[in-house]
Amino acid sequence: MEERNFETDAIRVQTDRSDNKEHSVPIYLTSSFVFDDAEHARALFADEVPGNIYTRYSNPNTNEFIEKLCLLEGAEDGIATASGMAAMYTSMAALLKAGDHVLACRSVFGSTHQILNTIFPRFNISYSYADVNDPDSWESKIQPNTKMIFVETPSNPALDIIDLEWLGKLAAKHNLILNVDNCFATRIYKILPSGAPI
């Protein structure tokens, strides 16, 4: 595999330049895109050929954002949402169904509590909370229908930290999805000469 430089990728990877040879990707302020002909439109809507149809589905700017984050994170694919709560809800709702149970850290954002406490029960999705300061209790809270462990780290707003390596092993042991809301942290880090991360 080709050796890549994180810092270079972070600022240099972008969508292909147009014939205008722009230095930065232009902002595409369009709601929709044109088609070569009716057959091209049909093929786009049928997902037979790549291309943009409507900005709510895809847009060159959104596509670049997703591609860059996937490259920087080493991910296969991703999606972009209009807000952090839309991302959080989508990351859970897309993977859960009626009858599933979520084990969540009690230390999460207020709107996340609302989704777990108010919205998901309407769809027969249950939840239990575990305490960030009592990791020994987490495994006992896993139920036969538990499908996902959901945490924030650092949590918002308390900034509680969870050992993700430990939690990953717990999730793998029980074949659970580990869903981590990472709104504060970043994968960009450096190590000081003293060895302390910044």
C-alpha atoms as a PDB file:
ATOM      1  CA  MET A   1       0.000   0.000   0.000  1.00  0.00           C
ATOM      2  CA  GLU A   2       1.226   3.481  -0.852  1.00  0.00           C
ATOM      3  CA  GLU A   3       2.736   5.409   2.078  1.00  0.00           C
ATOM      4  CA  ARG A   4       0.612   8.511   2.703  1.00  0.00           C
ATOM      5  CA  ASN A   5       1.308  11.670   4.661  1.00  0.00           C
ATOM      6  CA  PHE A   6      -1.601  12.644   6.915  1.00  0.00           C
ATOM      7  CA  GLU A   7      -0.837  16.381   6.906  1.00  0.00           C
ATOM      8  CA  THR A   8      -0.558  16.487   3.114  1.00  0.00           C
ATOM      9  CA  ASP A   9      -3.778  14.553   2.622  1.00  0.00           C
ATOM     10  CA  ALA A  10      -5.602  16.823   5.071  1.00  0.00           C
ATOM     11  CA  ILE A  11      -5.014  19.896   2.927  1.00  0.00           C
ATOM     12  CA  ARG A  12      -4.331  18.616  -0.586  1.00  0.00           C
ATOM     13  CA  VAL A  13      -6.848  15.896  -1.320  1.00  0.00           C
ATOM     14  CA  GLN A  14      -9.780  17.333  -3.231  1.00  0.00           C
ATOM     15  CA  THR A  15     -12.195  16.535  -6.004  1.00  0.00           C
ATOM     16  CA  ASP A  16     -10.770  16.549  -9.493  1.00  0.00           C
ATOM     17  CA  ARG A  17     -10.147  19.998 -10.913  1.00  0.00           C
ATOM     18  CA  SER A  18     -12.388  21.215 -13.688  1.00  0.00           C
ATOM     19  CA  ASP A  19     -11.184  22.624 -16.996  1.00  0.00           C
ATOM     20  CA  ASN A  20     -11.001  25.998 -15.210  1.00  0.00           C
ATOM     21  CA  LYS A  21      -7.942  24.756 -13.233  1.00  0.00           C
ATOM     22  CA  GLU A  22      -9.162  26.157  -9.905  1.00  0.00           C
ATOM     23  CA  HIS A  23      -6.847  25.917  -6.911  1.00  0.00           C
ATOM     24  CA  SER A  24      -9.680  25.224  -4.453  1.00  0.00           C
ATOM     25  CA  VAL A  25     -12.875  23.357  -5.153  1.00  0.00           C
ATOM     26  CA  PRO A  26     -15.633  25.816  -6.064  1.00  0.00           C
ATOM     27  CA  ILE A  27     -18.741  25.964  -3.912  1.00  0.00           C
ATOM     28  CA  TYR A  28     -21.611  24.344  -5.760  1.00  0.00           C
ATOM     29  CA  LEU A  29     -24.662  26.394  -4.739  1.00  0.00           C
ATOM     30  CA  THR A  30     -27.096  24.429  -6.843  1.00  0.00           C
ATOM     31  CA  SER A  31     -30.116  22.434  -5.794  1.00  0.00           C
ATOM     32  CA  SER A  32     -30.074  20.176  -8.834  1.00  0.00           C
ATOM     33  CA  PHE A  33     -27.883  19.103 -11.735  1.00  0.00           C
ATOM     34  CA  VAL A  34     -28.454  18.785 -15.472  1.00  0.00           C
ATOM     35  CA  PHE A  35     -28.604  15.531 -17.427  1.00  0.00           C
ATOM     36  CA  ASP A  36     -27.210  14.790 -20.865  1.00  0.00           C
ATOM     37  CA  ASP A  37     -30.580  13.416 -21.955  1.00  0.00           C
ATOM     38  CA  ALA A  38     -33.550  11.433 -20.642  1.00  0.00           C
ATOM     39  CA  GLU A  39     -31.621   8.149 -20.710  1.00  0.00           C
ATOM     40  CA  HIS A  40     -28.803   9.698 -18.655  1.00  0.00           C
ATOM     41  CA  ALA A  41     -31.368  10.905 -16.096  1.00  0.00           C
ATOM     42  CA  ARG A  42     -32.949   7.456 -15.940  1.00  0.00           C
ATOM     43  CA  ALA A  43     -29.558   5.794 -15.405  1.00  0.00           C
ATOM     44  CA  LEU A  44     -28.642   8.272 -12.648  1.00  0.00           C
ATOM     45  CA  PHE A  45     -31.932   7.750 -10.811  1.00  0.00           C
ATOM     46  CA  ALA A  46     -31.528   3.972 -11.176  1.00  0.00           C
ATOM     47  CA  ASP A  47     -28.034   4.272  -9.644  1.00  0.00           C
ATOM     48  CA  GLU A  48     -26.533   2.627 -12.742  1.00  0.00           C
ATOM     49  CA  VAL A  49     -24.034   5.430 -13.387  1.00  0.00           C
ATOM     50  CA  PRO A  50     -22.288   7.777 -10.941  1.00  0.00           C
ATOM     51  CA  GLY A  51     -23.243  11.417 -10.862  1.00  0.00           C
ATOM     52  CA  ASN A  52     -25.209  14.097  -9.083  1.00  0.00           C
ATOM     53  CA  ILE A  53     -28.965  14.469  -9.253  1.00  0.00           C
ATOM     54  CA  TYR A  54     -30.016  16.683  -6.372  1.00  0.00           C
ATOM     55  CA  THR A  55     -27.891  18.344  -3.681  1.00  0.00           C
ATOM     56  CA  ARG A  56     -29.848  16.677  -0.882  1.00  0.00           C
ATOM     57  CA  TYR A  57     -28.545  13.352  -2.244  1.00  0.00           C
ATOM     58  CA  SER A  58     -25.059  14.393  -3.294  1.00  0.00           C
ATOM     59  CA  ASN A  59     -23.040  17.439  -4.259  1.00  0.00           C
ATOM     60  CA  PRO A  60     -19.381  17.765  -5.287  1.00  0.00           C
ATOM     61  CA  ASN A  61     -18.637  19.642  -2.041  1.00  0.00           C
ATOM     62  CA  THR A  62     -20.285  17.004   0.140  1.00  0.00           C
ATOM     63  CA  ASN A  63     -18.637  14.243  -1.856  1.00  0.00           C
ATOM     64  CA  GLU A  64     -15.208  15.816  -1.335  1.00  0.00           C
ATOM     65  CA  PHE A  65     -15.857  16.155   2.397  1.00  0.00           C
ATOM     66  CA  ILE A  66     -16.834  12.474   2.678  1.00  0.00           C
ATOM     67  CA  GLU A  67     -13.925  11.263   0.546  1.00  0.00           C
ATOM     68  CA  LYS A  68     -11.401  13.309   2.514  1.00  0.00           C
ATOM     69  CA  LEU A  69     -12.690  12.135   5.891  1.00  0.00           C
ATOM     70  CA  CYS A  70     -12.696   8.525   4.711  1.00  0.00           C
ATOM     71  CA  LEU A  71      -9.116   8.879   3.552  1.00  0.00           C
ATOM     72  CA  LEU A  72      -7.990  10.502   6.799  1.00  0.00           C
ATOM     73  CA  GLU A  73      -9.879   7.979   8.950  1.00  0.00           C
ATOM     74  CA  GLY A  74      -9.027   4.928   6.857  1.00  0.00           C
ATOM     75  CA  ALA A  75     -12.740   4.267   6.290  1.00  0.00           C
ATOM     76  CA  GLU A  76     -14.340   2.539   3.341  1.00  0.00           C
ATOM     77  CA  ASP A  77     -17.303   4.908   3.017  1.00  0.00           C
ATOM     78  CA  GLY A  78     -19.231   7.553   4.900  1.00  0.00           C
ATOM     79  CA  ILE A  79     -22.161   9.927   4.851  1.00  0.00           C
ATOM     80  CA  ALA A  80     -22.533  13.609   5.633  1.00  0.00           C
ATOM     81  CA  THR A  81     -25.458  15.002   7.600  1.00  0.00           C
ATOM     82  CA  ALA A  82     -26.693  18.511   8.265  1.00  0.00           C
ATOM     83  CA  SER A  83     -26.060  18.344  12.018  1.00  0.00           C
ATOM     84  CA  GLY A  84     -24.371  16.311  14.707  1.00  0.00           C
ATOM     85  CA  MET A  85     -27.703  15.091  16.065  1.00  0.00           C
ATOM     86  CA  ALA A  86     -28.734  13.965  12.579  1.00  0.00           C
ATOM     87  CA  ALA A  87     -25.480  11.993  12.399  1.00  0.00           C
ATOM     88  CA  MET A  88     -26.026  10.520  15.860  1.00  0.00           C
ATOM     89  CA  TYR A  89     -29.638   9.545  15.146  1.00  0.00           C
ATOM     90  CA  THR A  90     -28.776   8.073  11.739  1.00  0.00           C
ATOM     91  CA  SER A  91     -25.873   6.076  13.168  1.00  0.00           C
ATOM     92  CA  MET A  92     -28.290   4.394  15.556  1.00  0.00           C
ATOM     93  CA  ALA A  93     -31.610   4.245  13.684  1.00  0.00           C
ATOM     94  CA  ALA A  94     -30.011   2.729  10.585  1.00  0.00           C
ATOM     95  CA  LEU A  95     -28.718  -0.223  12.607  1.00  0.00           C
ATOM     96  CA  LEU A  96     -31.514  -0.826  15.126  1.00  0.00           C
ATOM     97  CA  LYS A  97     -34.969  -2.366  14.786  1.00  0.00           C
ATOM     98  CA  ALA A  98     -37.996  -2.968  16.998  1.00  0.00           C
ATOM     99  CA  GLY A  99     -37.102  -5.229  19.892  1.00  0.00           C
ATOM    100  CA  ASP A 100     -33.442  -4.183  20.048  1.00  0.00           C
ATOM    101  CA  HIS A 101     -31.761  -2.865  23.188  1.00  0.00           C
ATOM    102  CA  VAL A 102     -29.041  -0.198  23.447  1.00  0.00           C
ATOM    103  CA  LEU A 103     -26.549  -0.031  26.290  1.00  0.00           C
ATOM    104  CA  ALA A 104     -25.551   3.626  26.545  1.00  0.00           C
ATOM    105  CA  CYS A 105     -23.190   5.519  28.751  1.00  0.00           C
ATOM    106  CA  ARG A 106     -25.184   7.782  31.076  1.00  0.00           C
ATOM    107  CA  SER A 107     -22.825  10.654  30.271  1.00  0.00           C
ATOM    108  CA  VAL A 108     -24.131  11.744  26.864  1.00  0.00           C
ATOM    109  CA  PHE A 109     -25.482  14.916  25.285  1.00  0.00           C
ATOM    110  CA  GLY A 110     -28.973  15.993  26.404  1.00  0.00           C
ATOM    111  CA  SER A 111     -30.555  15.519  22.989  1.00  0.00           C
ATOM    112  CA  THR A 112     -29.104  12.002  22.860  1.00  0.00           C
ATOM    113  CA  HIS A 113     -30.936  11.250  26.120  1.00  0.00           C
ATOM    114  CA  GLN A 114     -34.131  12.498  24.444  1.00  0.00           C
ATOM    115  CA  ILE A 115     -33.680  10.098  21.519  1.00  0.00           C
ATOM    116  CA  LEU A 116     -33.020   7.164  23.853  1.00  0.00           C
ATOM    117  CA  ASN A 117     -35.731   8.065  26.413  1.00  0.00           C
ATOM    118  CA  THR A 118     -38.517   9.448  24.218  1.00  0.00           C
ATOM    119  CA  ILE A 119     -38.124   8.635  20.524  1.00  0.00           C
ATOM    120  CA  PHE A 120     -36.740   5.086  20.436  1.00  0.00           C
ATOM    121  CA  PRO A 121     -39.293   3.640  22.890  1.00  0.00           C
ATOM    122  CA  ARG A 122     -41.992   4.607  20.351  1.00  0.00           C
ATOM    123  CA  PHE A 123     -40.336   2.100  18.003  1.00  0.00           C
ATOM    124  CA  ASN A 124     -39.953  -0.559  20.722  1.00  0.00           C
ATOM    125  CA  ILE A 125     -36.214   0.057  21.052  1.00  0.00           C
ATOM    126  CA  SER A 126     -35.196  -0.099  24.707  1.00  0.00           C
ATOM    127  CA  TYR A 127     -32.108   1.183  26.500  1.00  0.00           C
ATOM    128  CA  SER A 128     -30.125   0.912  29.708  1.00  0.00           C
ATOM    129  CA  TYR A 129     -27.543   3.304  31.064  1.00  0.00           C
ATOM    130  CA  ALA A 130     -24.115   2.408  32.388  1.00  0.00           C
ATOM    131  CA  ASP A 131     -21.914   4.626  34.518  1.00  0.00           C
ATOM    132  CA  VAL A 132     -18.609   5.786  33.046  1.00  0.00           C
ATOM    133  CA  ASN A 133     -17.050   5.521  36.525  1.00  0.00           C
ATOM    134  CA  ASP A 134     -18.175   1.919  37.062  1.00  0.00           C
ATOM    135  CA  PRO A 135     -16.803  -0.090  34.129  1.00  0.00           C
ATOM    136  CA  ASP A 136     -17.205  -3.367  36.025  1.00  0.00           C
ATOM    137  CA  SER A 137     -21.010  -2.971  35.852  1.00  0.00           C
ATOM    138  CA  TRP A 138     -21.267  -2.653  32.073  1.00  0.00           C
ATOM    139  CA  GLU A 139     -21.187  -6.332  31.166  1.00  0.00           C
ATOM    140  CA  SER A 140     -24.018  -7.149  33.598  1.00  0.00           C
ATOM    141  CA  LYS A 141     -26.247  -4.633  31.796  1.00  0.00           C
ATOM    142  CA  ILE A 142     -25.957  -6.428  28.444  1.00  0.00           C
ATOM    143  CA  GLN A 143     -29.248  -8.177  27.663  1.00  0.00           C
ATOM    144  CA  PRO A 144     -30.037 -10.977  25.188  1.00  0.00           C
ATOM    145  CA  ASN A 145     -31.514  -8.374  22.808  1.00  0.00           C
ATOM    146  CA  THR A 146     -28.703  -5.828  23.199  1.00  0.00           C
ATOM    147  CA  LYS A 147     -27.585  -4.826  19.717  1.00  0.00           C
ATOM    148  CA  MET A 148     -25.411  -1.755  20.339  1.00  0.00           C
ATOM    149  CA  ILE A 149     -23.227   0.006  22.857  1.00  0.00           C
ATOM    150  CA  PHE A 150     -23.371   3.782  22.457  1.00  0.00           C
ATOM    151  CA  VAL A 151     -20.915   6.218  24.041  1.00  0.00           C
ATOM    152  CA  GLU A 152     -19.475   9.672  23.651  1.00  0.00           C
ATOM    153  CA  THR A 153     -15.833  10.273  24.450  1.00  0.00           C
ATOM    154  CA  PRO A 154     -15.013  12.871  25.499  1.00  0.00           C
ATOM    155  CA  SER A 155     -18.657  13.196  26.517  1.00  0.00           C
ATOM    156  CA  ASN A 156     -20.624  16.389  25.931  1.00  0.00           C
ATOM    157  CA  PRO A 157     -20.648  18.459  28.122  1.00  0.00           C
ATOM    158  CA  ALA A 158     -18.994  16.607  31.052  1.00  0.00           C
ATOM    159  CA  LEU A 159     -15.849  15.601  29.089  1.00  0.00           C
ATOM    160  CA  ASP A 160     -15.850  12.123  30.609  1.00  0.00           C
ATOM    161  CA  ILE A 161     -13.388   9.743  28.959  1.00  0.00           C
ATOM    162  CA  ILE A 162     -14.065   6.076  28.207  1.00  0.00           C
ATOM    163  CA  ASP A 163     -11.396   3.495  27.513  1.00  0.00           C
ATOM    164  CA  LEU A 164     -12.316   2.587  23.936  1.00  0.00           C
ATOM    165  CA  GLU A 165      -9.910  -0.341  23.758  1.00  0.00           C
ATOM    166  CA  TRP A 166     -11.622  -1.952  26.771  1.00  0.00           C
ATOM    167  CA  LEU A 167     -15.074  -1.124  25.403  1.00  0.00           C
ATOM    168  CA  GLY A 168     -14.170  -2.471  21.964  1.00  0.00           C
ATOM    169  CA  LYS A 169     -13.175  -5.785  23.520  1.00  0.00           C
ATOM    170  CA  LEU A 170     -16.426  -5.908  25.499  1.00  0.00           C
ATOM    171  CA  ALA A 171     -18.467  -5.211  22.359  1.00  0.00           C
ATOM    172  CA  ALA A 172     -16.544  -7.828  20.358  1.00  0.00           C
ATOM    173  CA  LYS A 173     -16.974 -10.417  23.130  1.00  0.00           C
ATOM    174  CA  HIS A 174     -20.761 -10.057  22.873  1.00  0.00           C
ATOM    175  CA  ASN A 175     -20.882  -9.416  19.107  1.00  0.00           C
ATOM    176  CA  LEU A 176     -22.311  -5.913  19.612  1.00  0.00           C
ATOM    177  CA  ILE A 177     -22.028  -2.805  17.483  1.00  0.00           C
ATOM    178  CA  LEU A 178     -19.841  -0.201  19.191  1.00  0.00           C
ATOM    179  CA  ASN A 179     -21.108   3.254  18.240  1.00  0.00           C
ATOM    180  CA  VAL A 180     -18.892   6.143  19.377  1.00  0.00           C
ATOM    181  CA  ASP A 181     -19.950   9.780  19.082  1.00  0.00           C
ATOM    182  CA  ASN A 182     -16.649  11.569  18.698  1.00  0.00           C
ATOM    183  CA  CYS A 183     -17.781  15.201  18.448  1.00  0.00           C
ATOM    184  CA  PHE A 184     -14.992  16.723  20.561  1.00  0.00           C
ATOM    185  CA  ALA A 185     -11.958  14.621  19.791  1.00  0.00           C
ATOM    186  CA  THR A 186     -10.010  14.365  16.580  1.00  0.00           C
ATOM    187  CA  ARG A 187      -7.768  11.700  15.168  1.00  0.00           C
ATOM    188  CA  ILE A 188      -5.112  14.371  14.621  1.00  0.00           C
ATOM    189  CA  TYR A 189      -2.642  14.128  17.456  1.00  0.00           C
ATOM    190  CA  LYS A 190       1.042  14.536  18.000  1.00  0.00           C
ATOM    191  CA  ILE A 191       3.292  13.205  20.694  1.00  0.00           C
ATOM    192  CA  LEU A 192       5.398  15.708  22.598  1.00  0.00           C
ATOM    193  CA  PRO A 193       9.038  14.810  23.285  1.00  0.00           C
ATOM    194  CA  SER A 194       7.957  13.943  26.840  1.00  0.00           C
ATOM    195  CA  GLY A 195       5.564  11.374  25.381  1.00  0.00           C
ATOM    196  CA  ALA A 196       2.408  13.243  26.433  1.00  0.00           C
ATOM    197  CA  PRO A 197      -0.195  13.457  23.649  1.00  0.00           C
ATOM    198  CA  ILE A 198      -1.505  16.845  22.585  1.00  0.00           C
END
